[in-house]
C-alpha atoms as a PDB file:
ATOM      1  CA  MET A   1       0.000   0.000   0.000  1.00  0.00           C
ATOM      2  CA  THR A   2       1.055   3.577  -0.609  1.00  0.00           C
ATOM      3  CA  ALA A   3       0.631   6.858   1.290  1.00  0.00           C
ATOM      4  CA  GLU A   4      -2.395   7.665  -0.869  1.00  0.00           C
ATOM      5  CA  VAL A   5      -4.160   4.492   0.308  1.00  0.00           C
ATOM      6  CA  PHE A   6      -3.180   5.093   3.921  1.00  0.00           C
ATOM      7  CA  ARG A   7      -4.512   8.684   3.836  1.00  0.00           C
ATOM      8  CA  ARG A   8      -8.001   7.299   3.300  1.00  0.00           C
ATOM      9  CA  MET A   9      -7.790   4.359   5.705  1.00  0.00           C
ATOM     10  CA  PRO A  10     -10.281   4.545   8.583  1.00  0.00           C
ATOM     11  CA  TYR A  11      -9.018   3.847  12.088  1.00  0.00           C
ATOM     12  CA  ALA A  12     -11.022   0.612  12.390  1.00  0.00           C
ATOM     13  CA  GLU A  13      -9.304  -0.793   9.291  1.00  0.00           C
ATOM     14  CA  ALA A  14      -5.795   0.377  10.234  1.00  0.00           C
ATOM     15  CA  LEU A  15      -5.744  -0.807  13.862  1.00  0.00           C
ATOM     16  CA  PRO A  16      -5.679  -4.582  13.151  1.00  0.00           C
ATOM     17  CA  GLN A  17      -2.819  -4.050  10.650  1.00  0.00           C
ATOM     18  CA  ALA A  18      -0.659  -1.976  13.022  1.00  0.00           C
ATOM     19  CA  GLN A  19       2.792  -3.366  13.704  1.00  0.00           C
ATOM     20  CA  ARG A  20       3.462  -0.710  16.321  1.00  0.00           C
ATOM     21  CA  ILE A  21       1.085   1.570  18.243  1.00  0.00           C
ATOM     22  CA  LEU A  22       2.143   4.900  19.754  1.00  0.00           C
ATOM     23  CA  VAL A  23      -0.380   6.235  22.278  1.00  0.00           C
ATOM     24  CA  ASP A  24      -0.618   9.340  24.444  1.00  0.00           C
ATOM     25  CA  GLY A  25      -3.233  11.958  25.353  1.00  0.00           C
ATOM     26  CA  TYR A  26      -3.034  13.564  21.919  1.00  0.00           C
ATOM     27  CA  GLY A  27      -4.003  10.482  19.953  1.00  0.00           C
ATOM     28  CA  GLU A  28      -2.575   7.359  18.401  1.00  0.00           C
ATOM     29  CA  GLY A  29       0.116   6.730  15.852  1.00  0.00           C
ATOM     30  CA  LEU A  30      -0.297   3.417  14.047  1.00  0.00           C
ATOM     31  CA  VAL A  31       2.737   2.104  12.188  1.00  0.00           C
ATOM     32  CA  LEU A  32       1.858  -0.084   9.207  1.00  0.00           C
ATOM     33  CA  GLN A  33       3.999  -1.738   6.583  1.00  0.00           C
ATOM     34  CA  GLY A  34       3.442  -0.646   3.004  1.00  0.00           C
ATOM     35  CA  THR A  35       5.154  -0.018  -0.315  1.00  0.00           C
ATOM     36  CA  GLY A  36       8.755   1.008   0.303  1.00  0.00           C
ATOM     37  CA  GLY A  37       8.758   0.609   4.089  1.00  0.00           C
ATOM     38  CA  TYR A  38       6.736   1.669   7.100  1.00  0.00           C
ATOM     39  CA  TYR A  39       4.095   4.401   7.326  1.00  0.00           C
ATOM     40  CA  GLY A  40       2.878   6.257  10.412  1.00  0.00           C
ATOM     41  CA  LEU A  41      -0.840   6.992  10.469  1.00  0.00           C
ATOM     42  CA  TYR A  42      -1.664   9.602  13.104  1.00  0.00           C
ATOM     43  CA  TYR A  43      -5.183   9.799  14.499  1.00  0.00           C
ATOM     44  CA  LEU A  44      -5.038  12.959  16.656  1.00  0.00           C
ATOM     45  CA  PHE A  45      -8.437  12.708  18.324  1.00  0.00           C
ATOM     46  CA  GLY A  46      -7.193  14.198  21.622  1.00  0.00           C
ATOM     47  CA  VAL A  47      -6.463  17.509  19.872  1.00  0.00           C
ATOM     48  CA  LEU A  48     -10.159  17.650  18.981  1.00  0.00           C
ATOM     49  CA  GLY A  49     -11.193  17.044  22.589  1.00  0.00           C
ATOM     50  CA  LEU A  50     -12.188  13.413  22.035  1.00  0.00           C
ATOM     51  CA  ARG A  51     -11.213  10.576  24.385  1.00  0.00           C
ATOM     52  CA  GLU A  52     -11.031   7.869  21.752  1.00  0.00           C
ATOM     53  CA  PRO A  53     -10.682   7.627  17.982  1.00  0.00           C
ATOM     54  CA  VAL A  54     -13.723   7.565  15.744  1.00  0.00           C
ATOM     55  CA  PRO A  55     -13.565   4.179  13.944  1.00  0.00           C
ATOM     56  CA  SER A  56     -14.693   5.618  10.591  1.00  0.00           C
ATOM     57  CA  HIS A  57     -12.279   8.596  10.540  1.00  0.00           C
ATOM     58  CA  PRO A  58      -9.199   8.644   8.300  1.00  0.00           C
ATOM     59  CA  PRO A  59      -5.844   9.678   9.806  1.00  0.00           C
ATOM     60  CA  ASP A  60      -5.105  13.334  10.463  1.00  0.00           C
ATOM     61  CA  TRP A  61      -1.536  12.909   9.211  1.00  0.00           C
ATOM     62  CA  VAL A  62       0.456  10.244   7.350  1.00  0.00           C
ATOM     63  CA  GLU A  63       4.256   9.954   7.336  1.00  0.00           C
ATOM     64  CA  GLY A  64       6.437   7.608   5.366  1.00  0.00           C
ATOM     65  CA  PRO A  65       7.775   5.505   3.963  1.00  0.00           C
ATOM     66  CA  ARG A  66      10.587   4.933   6.437  1.00  0.00           C
ATOM     67  CA  GLN A  67      12.880   1.943   6.714  1.00  0.00           C
ATOM     68  CA  ASN A  68      12.593   1.497  10.485  1.00  0.00           C
ATOM     69  CA  GLN A  69       9.346   1.407  12.426  1.00  0.00           C
ATOM     70  CA  GLU A  70      11.142   2.953  15.420  1.00  0.00           C
ATOM     71  CA  ASP A  71      11.656   6.221  13.484  1.00  0.00           C
ATOM     72  CA  PHE A  72       8.133   7.562  14.054  1.00  0.00           C
ATOM     73  CA  LYS A  73       7.340  10.279  16.589  1.00  0.00           C
ATOM     74  CA  GLU A  74       4.936   9.922  19.498  1.00  0.00           C
ATOM     75  CA  PRO A  75       1.584  11.690  18.827  1.00  0.00           C
ATOM     76  CA  TYR A  76       2.513  14.607  21.148  1.00  0.00           C
ATOM     77  CA  GLN A  77       5.782  15.117  19.248  1.00  0.00           C
ATOM     78  CA  MET A  78       3.925  14.967  15.925  1.00  0.00           C
ATOM     79  CA  VAL A  79       1.401  17.593  17.090  1.00  0.00           C
ATOM     80  CA  HIS A  80       4.289  19.846  18.126  1.00  0.00           C
ATOM     81  CA  TRP A  81       6.052  19.290  14.779  1.00  0.00           C
ATOM     82  CA  LEU A  82       2.860  20.126  12.878  1.00  0.00           C
ATOM     83  CA  GLU A  83       2.359  23.336  14.886  1.00  0.00           C
ATOM     84  CA  VAL A  84       5.971  24.437  14.355  1.00  0.00           C
ATOM     85  CA  ASN A  85       5.563  23.831  10.627  1.00  0.00           C
ATOM     86  CA  GLY A  86       2.383  25.889  10.285  1.00  0.00           C
ATOM     87  CA  TYR A  87      -0.357  23.269  10.576  1.00  0.00           C
ATOM     88  CA  ASN A  88      -2.947  24.601  12.995  1.00  0.00           C
ATOM     89  CA  LEU A  89      -5.971  22.430  12.202  1.00  0.00           C
ATOM     90  CA  PHE A  90      -5.755  18.664  12.318  1.00  0.00           C
ATOM     91  CA  VAL A  91      -8.532  17.744   9.934  1.00  0.00           C
ATOM     92  CA  ASN A  92      -6.754  15.262   7.695  1.00  0.00           C
ATOM     93  CA  GLU A  93      -4.431  17.912   6.269  1.00  0.00           C
ATOM     94  CA  SER A  94      -2.110  15.273   4.794  1.00  0.00           C
ATOM     95  CA  LYS A  95      -4.581  14.677   1.966  1.00  0.00           C
END
């Protein structure tokens, strides 16, 4: 799978495929294997004031491919990176 496929993948479909899960109060980062390496799918539901992800929602941000699944940031670090780089709304801006 490619980044384009992952950008549309709902949380409920991505979760069972996750090879690594990064969780904190800002959301969840699911690391999946795809074309060319690993991809991080970030579901930042905590930023929106939610306590859990909405199963039908696509990720708010997708990173990858990367060669190592350990190279992905925790959700809090990703939120900070997005803010520093000018992303103020987390409504699937990676599309």
